[in-house]
Amino acid sequence: MPAVKPRDDRYVESLITWRGIALNVRHCPDWSTSCGIEHIEVISFERLPLPITETGYKSHFIDRDQLAEIGTPVEFVIAWLDHDAESTEWKKAEFESRQLSLF
């Protein structure tokens, strides 16, 4: 039996730039209407690592009320990225990505 593929027409896409990285934030407000669950995808165009994912892609399910408290899906993603960008690991990776390698 083929895998169930989500209907893309349910997603709203927002193109944003975070710290110079182009992102596509996809939001499905009615992923599960009976449970009040929404779906957010974060995709870096060049699949560059982000503080929330090493692969440049992140899928996240969130309760409708929790998202409403934070604001829009884009506001949620930016807050999430900013929060996780404070980690030592991300700061190190960000610093190293700016340095020229001699080897």
Protein backbone atom coordinates (compact mmCIF):
# COMPACT_ATOMS: atom_id res chain seq x y z
CA MET A 1 0.00 0.00 0.00
CA PRO A 2 1.45 3.44 -0.89
CA ALA A 3 2.31 5.86 1.88
CA VAL A 4 -0.20 8.59 2.54
CA LYS A 5 1.12 11.85 1.16
CA PRO A 6 0.01 15.11 2.80
CA ARG A 7 -2.02 17.45 0.66
CA ASP A 8 0.25 20.38 -0.14
CA ASP A 9 -2.71 22.69 -0.68
CA ARG A 10 -3.28 22.77 3.09
CA TYR A 11 0.10 24.44 3.68
CA VAL A 12 0.77 28.17 3.80
CA GLU A 13 4.35 29.04 2.86
CA SER A 14 6.35 32.00 4.14
CA LEU A 15 9.76 32.84 2.74
CA ILE A 16 11.98 34.49 5.34
CA THR A 17 15.64 35.19 5.98
CA TRP A 18 17.15 34.39 9.37
CA ARG A 19 20.75 35.53 9.98
CA GLY A 20 21.40 35.54 6.24
CA ILE A 21 19.91 32.07 5.69
CA ALA A 22 16.93 31.84 3.33
CA LEU A 23 14.15 29.71 4.79
CA ASN A 24 10.79 28.38 3.75
CA VAL A 25 8.38 28.10 6.69
CA ARG A 26 5.47 25.85 5.79
CA HIS A 27 2.43 25.76 8.07
CA CYS A 28 -0.57 23.45 7.98
CA PRO A 29 -3.17 24.87 10.39
CA ASP A 30 -5.50 21.89 10.03
CA TRP A 31 -3.13 18.93 10.18
CA SER A 32 -5.40 17.32 12.77
CA THR A 33 -8.51 19.34 13.41
CA SER A 34 -9.94 16.78 15.83
CA CYS A 35 -6.86 17.03 18.08
CA GLY A 36 -6.04 20.69 17.50
CA ILE A 37 -2.60 19.86 16.12
CA GLU A 38 -0.84 22.03 13.55
CA HIS A 39 2.25 21.18 11.51
CA ILE A 40 5.23 23.41 10.81
CA GLU A 41 8.12 22.65 8.48
CA VAL A 42 11.31 24.70 8.37
CA ILE A 43 13.47 24.25 5.28
CA SER A 44 16.68 26.10 4.50
CA PHE A 45 16.91 26.56 0.74
CA GLU A 46 20.44 25.22 0.50
CA ARG A 47 19.81 22.70 3.29
CA LEU A 48 22.24 24.59 5.47
CA PRO A 49 22.35 23.53 9.11
CA LEU A 50 20.23 25.50 11.56
CA PRO A 51 20.25 25.58 15.35
CA ILE A 52 17.17 23.34 15.29
CA THR A 53 18.43 20.85 12.67
CA GLU A 54 21.72 19.69 11.21
CA THR A 55 20.09 18.78 7.89
CA GLY A 56 18.37 22.06 7.05
CA TYR A 57 14.93 20.46 7.42
CA LYS A 58 12.74 20.30 10.51
CA SER A 59 9.21 18.99 10.92
CA HIS A 60 7.37 20.01 14.08
CA PHE A 61 3.87 19.37 15.39
CA ILE A 62 2.42 21.91 17.77
CA ASP A 63 -0.80 22.35 19.71
CA ARG A 64 -3.03 25.03 18.19
CA ASP A 65 -3.44 26.87 21.51
CA GLN A 66 0.30 26.82 22.20
CA LEU A 67 1.01 28.37 18.80
CA ALA A 68 -1.70 30.99 19.33
CA GLU A 69 0.02 32.06 22.58
CA ILE A 70 3.29 32.63 20.72
CA GLY A 71 1.85 34.27 17.62
CA THR A 72 2.22 33.33 13.98
CA PRO A 73 4.13 30.29 12.70
CA VAL A 74 6.89 32.60 11.46
CA GLU A 75 7.15 34.28 14.88
CA PHE A 76 7.32 30.83 16.48
CA VAL A 77 10.10 29.67 14.14
CA ILE A 78 12.16 32.84 14.62
CA ALA A 79 11.84 32.60 18.41
CA TRP A 80 12.80 28.91 18.27
CA LEU A 81 15.83 29.61 16.07
CA ASP A 82 16.93 32.57 18.22
CA HIS A 83 16.59 30.51 21.40
CA ASP A 84 18.55 27.52 20.11
CA ALA A 85 21.15 29.82 18.51
CA GLU A 86 22.25 30.72 22.04
CA SER A 87 23.66 27.21 22.54
CA THR A 88 27.42 26.77 22.75
CA GLU A 89 27.32 24.24 19.91
CA TRP A 90 25.58 26.63 17.51
CA LYS A 91 27.79 29.58 18.42
CA LYS A 92 30.86 27.43 17.73
CA ALA A 93 29.46 26.17 14.40
CA GLU A 94 28.48 29.68 13.36
CA PHE A 95 31.95 31.03 14.23
CA GLU A 96 33.71 28.21 12.38
CA SER A 97 31.56 28.70 9.28
CA ARG A 98 32.79 32.30 9.05
CA GLN A 99 36.47 31.37 9.32
CA LEU A 100 38.65 30.50 6.36
CA SER A 101 40.11 27.04 6.53
CA LEU A 102 43.81 26.64 5.74
CA PHE A 103 43.53 22.87 5.44
